[in-house]
Amino acid sequence: MRKPRLFSVLAAGLAAAITLNSQAAQKDSFSVCWTIYAGWMPWEYGAAQGIVDKWAKKYGINIDVVQVNDYVESINQYSAGQFDGCTMTNMDALTIPAAGGVDSTALIVGDFSNGNDGVVLKGEKKTLADLKGQNVNLVELSVSHYLLARGLEKAGLSERDLKVVNTSDADMVAAFATKDVTAVTTWNPLLAEIEATPGVTKVFNSSQIPGEIIDLMVVNSETLKDNPALGKALTGAWYEIMATMSDSGAAGKAAREHMAKASGTDLKGYEAQLATTKMFYTAKEAVAFTKSPSLPETMSKVAAFSFDHGLLGEGAQSADAIGMSFANDVITGDKGNLKLRFDPTYMQMAADGQL
């Protein structure tokens, strides 16, 4: 999950324009994509166990759940209209489809990182302030980069006080093992592996900015508007999966074991990742989070970081370039360019037993 982007906002906008007419129409077959991450493995489980099919049939539609191996590529494909929905973080929803002109809706707010992302130092340096003057290896322009920026802000520092070294997630563990690399920012399971190195200190993690790195199922807004059955089926399936996954008995254990194996780990490893992921196992929890006034505040921070790092597109004149809507008729940014919507409607239906 959360790899660096090699993405043209202009290209996405053009692709979206080409495919808009085909998306914004009533239809009966849909496809959504996902990539491997603790909070998104339920989609694989739901597809494998026929739960998504069951809910799709309830509403007279078909939903194909597709795994894409590369995270950013999955979002690019969604943005180009090849999928009706896609799993992604809140920051990437803003900076890829929304910035590319694709009106997108966060249909399901599944979880937030609650320690899954962290900053680790090597040797005698044991505080955030010790980052000053150092090189910090991370996946540039990812949520790791955002996490570092928020940590520096809390420590009274900025990125000007250090040097960011762009490092692939695939190379992160090996890089940290070298003498020259003294600080990294990364996510689990890489974070856990690096933390296990003797003589290291985790000086900041995502539990210190709770609710800011959010994992979503995002769908095309026009498609959702014309096809509410898609929203109902996906949401209904999700919370059935959540009920099983969170069960304390044999059924829950079997579900988590399935997800662990599908993600390339064992039950212990997967549950360790879940322990630092704040899953919203009930629709009621997800709705409360989505309706909270803290969500617009968080997204304003994300927009500011994204603008400062050139992620809102070449034409963006400020962090308010892209409009975002939230519950209770709250809108931030440009109301004339509303491209990202946090809409709890379908999660509320699930919470009220109306699906």
Protein backbone atom coordinates (compact mmCIF):
# COMPACT_ATOMS: atom_id res chain seq x y z
CA MET A 1 0.00 0.00 0.00
CA ARG A 2 0.87 3.68 -0.31
CA LYS A 3 3.59 3.69 -2.92
CA PRO A 4 4.94 6.83 -4.63
CA ARG A 5 3.00 8.31 -7.47
CA LEU A 6 4.16 8.60 -11.05
CA PHE A 7 0.96 10.22 -12.15
CA SER A 8 -0.21 12.95 -14.48
CA VAL A 9 -3.17 14.88 -13.13
CA LEU A 10 -3.85 16.22 -16.61
CA ALA A 11 -3.90 12.73 -18.08
CA ALA A 12 -6.31 11.58 -15.42
CA GLY A 13 -8.60 14.51 -16.11
CA LEU A 14 -8.62 13.79 -19.83
CA ALA A 15 -9.25 10.11 -19.23
CA ALA A 16 -12.05 10.97 -16.86
CA ALA A 17 -13.62 13.27 -19.43
CA ILE A 18 -13.48 10.54 -22.06
CA THR A 19 -15.08 7.95 -19.79
CA LEU A 20 -17.54 10.20 -17.99
CA ASN A 21 -20.48 9.43 -20.23
CA SER A 22 -20.02 5.69 -19.83
CA GLN A 23 -19.75 6.02 -16.05
CA ALA A 24 -22.63 8.37 -15.43
CA ALA A 25 -25.44 6.05 -16.46
CA GLN A 26 -27.61 3.36 -14.97
CA LYS A 27 -26.10 -0.09 -15.38
CA ASP A 28 -26.09 -3.49 -13.72
CA SER A 29 -22.43 -4.56 -13.75
CA PHE A 30 -19.67 -2.88 -11.76
CA SER A 31 -16.08 -3.47 -10.75
CA VAL A 32 -14.09 -2.27 -7.75
CA CYS A 33 -10.39 -2.78 -7.02
CA TRP A 34 -8.28 -3.22 -3.93
CA THR A 35 -4.64 -3.72 -2.95
CA ILE A 36 -3.07 -5.63 -0.07
CA TYR A 37 -3.27 -3.80 3.26
CA ALA A 38 -4.61 -4.87 6.66
CA GLY A 39 -7.71 -2.72 6.41
CA TRP A 40 -8.56 -3.76 2.85
CA MET A 41 -8.18 -7.54 3.15
CA PRO A 42 -11.89 -7.79 4.03
CA TRP A 43 -12.67 -7.09 0.37
CA GLU A 44 -10.72 -10.16 -0.69
CA TYR A 45 -12.49 -12.21 1.97
CA GLY A 46 -15.90 -10.89 0.96
CA ALA A 47 -15.28 -11.78 -2.67
CA ALA A 48 -13.86 -15.22 -1.90
CA GLN A 49 -16.71 -16.11 0.48
CA GLY A 50 -19.46 -14.90 -1.86
CA ILE A 51 -20.59 -12.13 0.49
CA VAL A 52 -20.20 -9.39 -2.10
CA ASP A 53 -22.04 -11.53 -4.69
CA LYS A 54 -24.88 -12.14 -2.23
CA TRP A 55 -25.42 -8.44 -1.62
CA ALA A 56 -25.03 -7.60 -5.30
CA LYS A 57 -27.74 -10.11 -6.21
CA LYS A 58 -29.99 -8.65 -3.52
CA TYR A 59 -29.97 -5.39 -5.48
CA GLY A 60 -30.05 -6.98 -8.94
CA ILE A 61 -26.50 -6.14 -9.96
CA ASN A 62 -23.10 -7.76 -10.43
CA ILE A 63 -19.94 -6.54 -8.69
CA ASP A 64 -16.49 -7.78 -9.68
CA VAL A 65 -13.90 -7.35 -6.91
CA VAL A 66 -10.43 -7.15 -8.47
CA GLN A 67 -7.00 -7.20 -6.84
CA VAL A 68 -4.42 -4.85 -8.37
CA ASN A 69 -0.84 -5.47 -7.31
CA ASP A 70 0.36 -1.86 -7.47
CA TYR A 71 -1.43 0.58 -5.17
CA VAL A 72 -1.04 3.81 -7.14
CA GLU A 73 -1.71 2.01 -10.40
CA SER A 74 -5.04 0.86 -8.97
CA ILE A 75 -5.99 4.48 -8.24
CA ASN A 76 -4.82 5.58 -11.68
CA GLN A 77 -7.00 2.91 -13.27
CA TYR A 78 -9.97 4.00 -11.18
CA SER A 79 -9.34 7.62 -12.12
CA ALA A 80 -9.28 6.65 -15.80
CA GLY A 81 -12.69 4.99 -15.46
CA GLN A 82 -11.56 1.38 -15.56
CA PHE A 83 -13.09 0.72 -12.14
CA ASP A 84 -16.19 2.12 -10.45
CA GLY A 85 -14.56 2.06 -7.02
CA CYS A 86 -11.15 1.63 -5.43
CA THR A 87 -9.53 1.38 -2.01
CA MET A 88 -7.28 4.33 -1.16
CA THR A 89 -6.25 6.71 1.60
CA ASN A 90 -7.87 10.08 2.17
CA MET A 91 -4.76 11.91 0.96
CA ASP A 92 -4.52 9.90 -2.24
CA ALA A 93 -8.24 10.35 -2.90
CA LEU A 94 -7.62 14.10 -2.86
CA THR A 95 -4.36 14.20 -4.79
CA ILE A 96 -5.05 11.64 -7.54
CA PRO A 97 -8.69 11.32 -8.68
CA ALA A 98 -10.00 14.57 -7.17
CA ALA A 99 -6.98 16.58 -8.33
CA GLY A 100 -7.40 14.94 -11.74
CA GLY A 101 -10.98 16.16 -12.05
CA VAL A 102 -12.74 12.91 -11.13
CA ASP A 103 -15.64 13.60 -8.75
CA SER A 104 -15.26 10.90 -6.10
CA THR A 105 -17.17 9.83 -2.99
CA ALA A 106 -15.77 8.15 0.12
CA LEU A 107 -18.53 5.56 0.35
CA ILE A 108 -17.07 3.56 3.24
CA VAL A 109 -14.69 4.92 5.87
CA GLY A 110 -13.11 1.67 6.96
CA ASP A 111 -10.36 2.56 9.41
CA PHE A 112 -7.54 4.90 10.27
CA SER A 113 -3.90 4.19 10.97
CA ASN A 114 -3.37 4.09 14.72
CA GLY A 115 0.32 3.25 14.88
CA ASN A 116 0.70 1.49 11.52
CA ASP A 117 2.94 4.35 10.31
CA GLY A 118 5.98 5.60 12.20
CA VAL A 119 9.32 7.43 12.30
CA VAL A 120 12.30 5.40 13.50
CA LEU A 121 15.79 6.61 14.48
CA LYS A 122 18.97 4.59 14.86
CA GLY A 123 21.53 4.80 17.64
CA GLU A 124 21.64 7.36 20.43
CA LYS A 125 19.21 9.77 18.82
CA LYS A 126 15.86 9.19 20.49
CA THR A 127 13.56 12.20 19.89
CA LEU A 128 11.87 13.95 17.00
CA ALA A 129 14.11 16.96 17.59
CA ASP A 130 17.10 14.72 16.77
CA LEU A 131 15.93 14.59 13.15
CA LYS A 132 17.41 18.05 12.64
CA GLY A 133 20.22 17.92 10.11
CA GLN A 134 19.63 14.27 9.27
CA ASN A 135 18.61 12.47 6.11
CA VAL A 136 15.24 10.75 6.46
CA ASN A 137 14.47 7.90 4.08
CA LEU A 138 10.84 7.52 3.09
CA VAL A 139 8.48 7.04 0.17
CA GLU A 140 8.27 10.63 -1.03
CA LEU A 141 4.81 12.20 -1.43
CA SER A 142 3.16 9.29 0.38
CA VAL A 143 1.32 9.27 3.70
CA SER A 144 4.72 8.57 5.28
CA HIS A 145 5.83 11.97 4.01
CA TYR A 146 2.67 13.51 5.48
CA LEU A 147 3.30 11.77 8.81
CA LEU A 148 6.84 13.13 8.96
CA ALA A 149 5.62 16.65 8.20
CA ARG A 150 3.05 16.46 11.00
CA GLY A 151 5.66 15.14 13.42
CA LEU A 152 8.08 17.92 12.54
CA GLU A 153 5.32 20.46 13.05
CA LYS A 154 4.73 19.15 16.57
CA ALA A 155 8.47 19.30 17.28
CA GLY A 156 8.77 22.89 16.07
CA LEU A 157 10.72 21.83 12.99
CA SER A 158 10.04 21.75 9.26
CA GLU A 159 11.29 19.84 6.24
CA ARG A 160 13.87 22.61 5.74
CA ASP A 161 15.60 21.29 8.86
CA LEU A 162 16.42 17.94 7.26
CA LYS A 163 16.71 16.15 3.94
CA VAL A 164 14.10 13.75 2.63
CA VAL A 165 15.59 10.83 0.69
CA ASN A 166 13.08 9.12 -1.59
CA THR A 167 13.30 5.37 -1.01
CA SER A 168 11.11 2.62 -2.41
CA ASP A 169 9.13 0.64 0.12
CA ALA A 170 10.71 -2.48 -1.39
CA ASP A 171 14.17 -1.15 -0.45
CA MET A 172 13.36 0.38 2.93
CA VAL A 173 14.38 -2.47 5.24
CA ALA A 174 17.62 -3.13 3.37
CA ALA A 175 18.43 0.59 3.33
CA PHE A 176 17.93 0.90 7.09
CA ALA A 177 20.37 -1.98 7.61
CA THR A 178 23.17 0.09 6.04
CA LYS A 179 25.44 2.37 8.04
CA ASP A 180 24.51 5.53 6.13
CA VAL A 181 20.75 5.39 6.80
CA THR A 182 19.94 6.63 10.30
CA ALA A 183 16.25 7.58 10.08
CA VAL A 184 13.23 6.25 8.20
CA THR A 185 9.51 6.85 8.03
CA THR A 186 7.45 3.89 6.87
CA TRP A 187 4.40 1.70 7.49
CA ASN A 188 3.63 -1.82 8.61
CA PRO A 189 4.70 -4.53 8.09
CA LEU A 190 7.99 -2.78 7.18
CA LEU A 191 7.80 -0.66 10.32
CA ALA A 192 7.58 -3.72 12.59
CA GLU A 193 10.57 -5.32 10.88
CA ILE A 194 12.66 -2.17 11.26
CA GLU A 195 11.58 -1.70 14.89
CA ALA A 196 12.90 -5.18 15.65
CA THR A 197 16.43 -3.96 14.85
CA PRO A 198 18.51 -3.60 18.04
CA GLY A 199 19.25 -0.04 19.12
CA VAL A 200 16.42 1.78 17.38
CA THR A 201 13.75 4.14 18.71
CA LYS A 202 10.31 4.90 17.25
CA VAL A 203 10.02 8.63 17.91
CA PHE A 204 6.65 9.34 16.28
CA ASN A 205 3.76 7.31 14.95
CA SER A 206 0.29 7.74 13.52
CA SER A 207 -1.44 7.13 16.86
CA GLN A 208 -0.19 10.63 17.74
CA ILE A 209 -2.23 12.09 14.88
CA PRO A 210 -5.31 9.85 15.25
CA GLY A 211 -7.80 9.94 12.42
CA GLU A 212 -5.54 11.67 9.91
CA ILE A 213 -4.42 8.71 7.77
CA ILE A 214 -7.74 7.19 6.73
CA ASP A 215 -8.46 4.14 4.59
CA LEU A 216 -11.49 4.30 2.31
CA MET A 217 -13.54 2.64 -0.38
CA VAL A 218 -13.95 5.43 -2.91
CA VAL A 219 -16.48 5.32 -5.75
CA ASN A 220 -17.19 7.54 -8.74
CA SER A 221 -19.78 10.09 -7.61
CA GLU A 222 -21.74 10.14 -10.87
CA THR A 223 -21.87 6.34 -10.97
CA LEU A 224 -23.11 6.26 -7.38
CA LYS A 225 -25.72 8.91 -8.05
CA ASP A 226 -27.13 6.99 -11.01
CA ASN A 227 -26.75 3.60 -9.34
CA PRO A 228 -27.57 3.69 -5.63
CA ALA A 229 -27.75 -0.11 -5.72
CA LEU A 230 -23.96 -0.14 -5.95
CA GLY A 231 -23.63 1.87 -2.76
CA LYS A 232 -26.16 -0.29 -0.93
CA ALA A 233 -24.59 -3.58 -2.03
CA LEU A 234 -21.00 -2.59 -1.23
CA THR A 235 -21.93 -1.13 2.15
CA GLY A 236 -24.16 -4.03 3.12
CA ALA A 237 -21.45 -6.52 2.20
CA TRP A 238 -18.77 -4.58 4.07
CA TYR A 239 -20.60 -4.54 7.39
CA GLU A 240 -21.52 -8.21 7.12
CA ILE A 241 -17.79 -8.90 6.65
CA MET A 242 -16.97 -6.62 9.59
CA ALA A 243 -19.40 -8.49 11.85
CA THR A 244 -17.74 -11.80 11.04
CA MET A 245 -14.18 -10.46 11.16
CA SER A 246 -14.68 -8.92 14.61
CA ASP A 247 -16.38 -12.00 16.06
CA SER A 248 -14.48 -13.32 19.08
CA GLY A 249 -15.27 -16.93 18.32
CA ALA A 250 -14.26 -19.49 15.71
CA ALA A 251 -15.93 -17.67 12.82
CA GLY A 252 -13.94 -14.50 13.44
CA LYS A 253 -10.68 -16.38 13.83
CA ALA A 254 -11.28 -18.27 10.58
CA ALA A 255 -12.01 -15.02 8.75
CA ARG A 256 -8.86 -13.36 10.07
CA GLU A 257 -6.79 -16.43 9.25
CA HIS A 258 -8.11 -16.28 5.68
CA MET A 259 -7.21 -12.58 5.41
CA ALA A 260 -3.78 -13.21 6.92
CA LYS A 261 -2.96 -15.93 4.40
CA ALA A 262 -4.27 -13.84 1.50
CA SER A 263 -2.03 -10.94 2.56
CA GLY A 264 1.08 -13.10 2.86
CA THR A 265 1.37 -13.45 6.63
CA ASP A 266 0.04 -15.61 9.46
CA LEU A 267 -2.69 -14.90 11.97
CA LYS A 268 -0.26 -13.49 14.55
CA GLY A 269 1.28 -11.16 11.98
CA TYR A 270 -2.07 -9.99 10.66
CA GLU A 271 -3.52 -9.38 14.11
CA ALA A 272 -0.41 -7.38 15.00
CA GLN A 273 -1.23 -5.10 12.05
CA LEU A 274 -4.87 -4.89 13.10
CA ALA A 275 -3.73 -3.86 16.59
CA THR A 276 -2.32 -0.63 15.14
CA THR A 277 -5.30 -0.09 12.84
CA LYS A 278 -8.45 1.52 14.22
CA MET A 279 -11.04 -0.53 12.37
CA PHE A 280 -14.60 0.74 12.35
CA TYR A 281 -16.24 -2.63 12.78
CA THR A 282 -19.73 -1.12 13.03
CA ALA A 283 -21.45 1.34 10.76
CA LYS A 284 -22.37 3.41 13.81
CA GLU A 285 -18.66 3.98 14.59
CA ALA A 286 -17.88 4.90 11.00
CA VAL A 287 -20.79 7.35 10.80
CA ALA A 288 -19.77 9.06 14.04
CA PHE A 289 -16.22 9.50 12.72
CA THR A 290 -17.41 10.76 9.33
CA LYS A 291 -19.81 13.26 10.89
CA SER A 292 -17.23 14.56 13.35
CA PRO A 293 -16.14 18.20 12.87
CA SER A 294 -12.55 16.95 13.11
CA LEU A 295 -12.73 15.33 9.66
CA PRO A 296 -12.97 18.62 7.69
CA GLU A 297 -10.14 19.97 9.86
CA THR A 298 -8.02 16.92 9.05
CA MET A 299 -8.67 17.23 5.33
CA SER A 300 -7.69 20.90 5.45
CA LYS A 301 -4.33 19.83 6.89
CA VAL A 302 -4.01 17.20 4.16
CA ALA A 303 -4.89 19.77 1.50
CA ALA A 304 -2.28 22.20 2.84
CA PHE A 305 0.44 19.52 2.77
CA SER A 306 -0.65 18.44 -0.72
CA PHE A 307 -0.56 21.99 -2.08
CA ASP A 308 2.84 22.68 -0.53
CA HIS A 309 4.20 19.59 -2.29
CA GLY A 310 2.62 20.32 -5.66
CA LEU A 311 0.07 17.48 -5.49
CA LEU A 312 -3.07 19.45 -6.31
CA GLY A 313 -2.12 20.07 -9.94
CA GLU A 314 -0.19 22.75 -11.79
CA GLY A 315 -3.18 25.08 -11.91
CA ALA A 316 -3.81 25.02 -8.15
CA GLN A 317 -3.39 28.49 -6.69
CA SER A 318 -3.95 27.53 -3.07
CA ALA A 319 -4.74 24.64 -0.74
CA ASP A 320 -8.41 25.47 -1.35
CA ALA A 321 -8.22 24.61 -5.06
CA ILE A 322 -10.30 21.46 -4.67
CA GLY A 323 -13.68 21.52 -2.99
CA MET A 324 -14.55 18.82 -0.46
CA SER A 325 -17.96 18.15 1.07
CA PHE A 326 -18.77 16.55 4.41
CA ALA A 327 -21.77 15.69 6.56
CA ASN A 328 -24.06 18.45 7.81
CA ASP A 329 -23.57 20.46 4.59
CA VAL A 330 -19.99 21.40 5.45
CA ILE A 331 -17.85 22.34 2.43
CA THR A 332 -14.19 23.30 2.40
CA GLY A 333 -12.17 24.60 -0.52
CA ASP A 334 -13.59 25.73 -3.86
CA LYS A 335 -17.35 25.12 -3.97
CA GLY A 336 -17.18 25.49 -7.74
CA ASN A 337 -14.70 22.62 -8.00
CA LEU A 338 -16.24 20.07 -5.65
CA LYS A 339 -14.44 16.79 -6.36
CA LEU A 340 -14.22 14.83 -3.09
CA ARG A 341 -17.22 13.93 -0.95
CA PHE A 342 -17.29 12.28 2.47
CA ASP A 343 -20.90 11.12 2.41
CA PRO A 344 -22.13 8.95 5.32
CA THR A 345 -25.53 8.26 3.69
CA TYR A 346 -25.00 4.59 2.95
CA MET A 347 -23.13 3.87 6.19
CA GLN A 348 -26.04 5.53 8.01
CA MET A 349 -28.44 3.21 6.20
CA ALA A 350 -26.38 0.26 7.43
CA ALA A 351 -26.37 1.64 10.97
CA ASP A 352 -30.16 2.04 10.83
CA GLY A 353 -30.70 -1.48 9.50
CA GLN A 354 -32.09 -0.17 6.20
CA LEU A 355 -29.96 -2.19 3.80
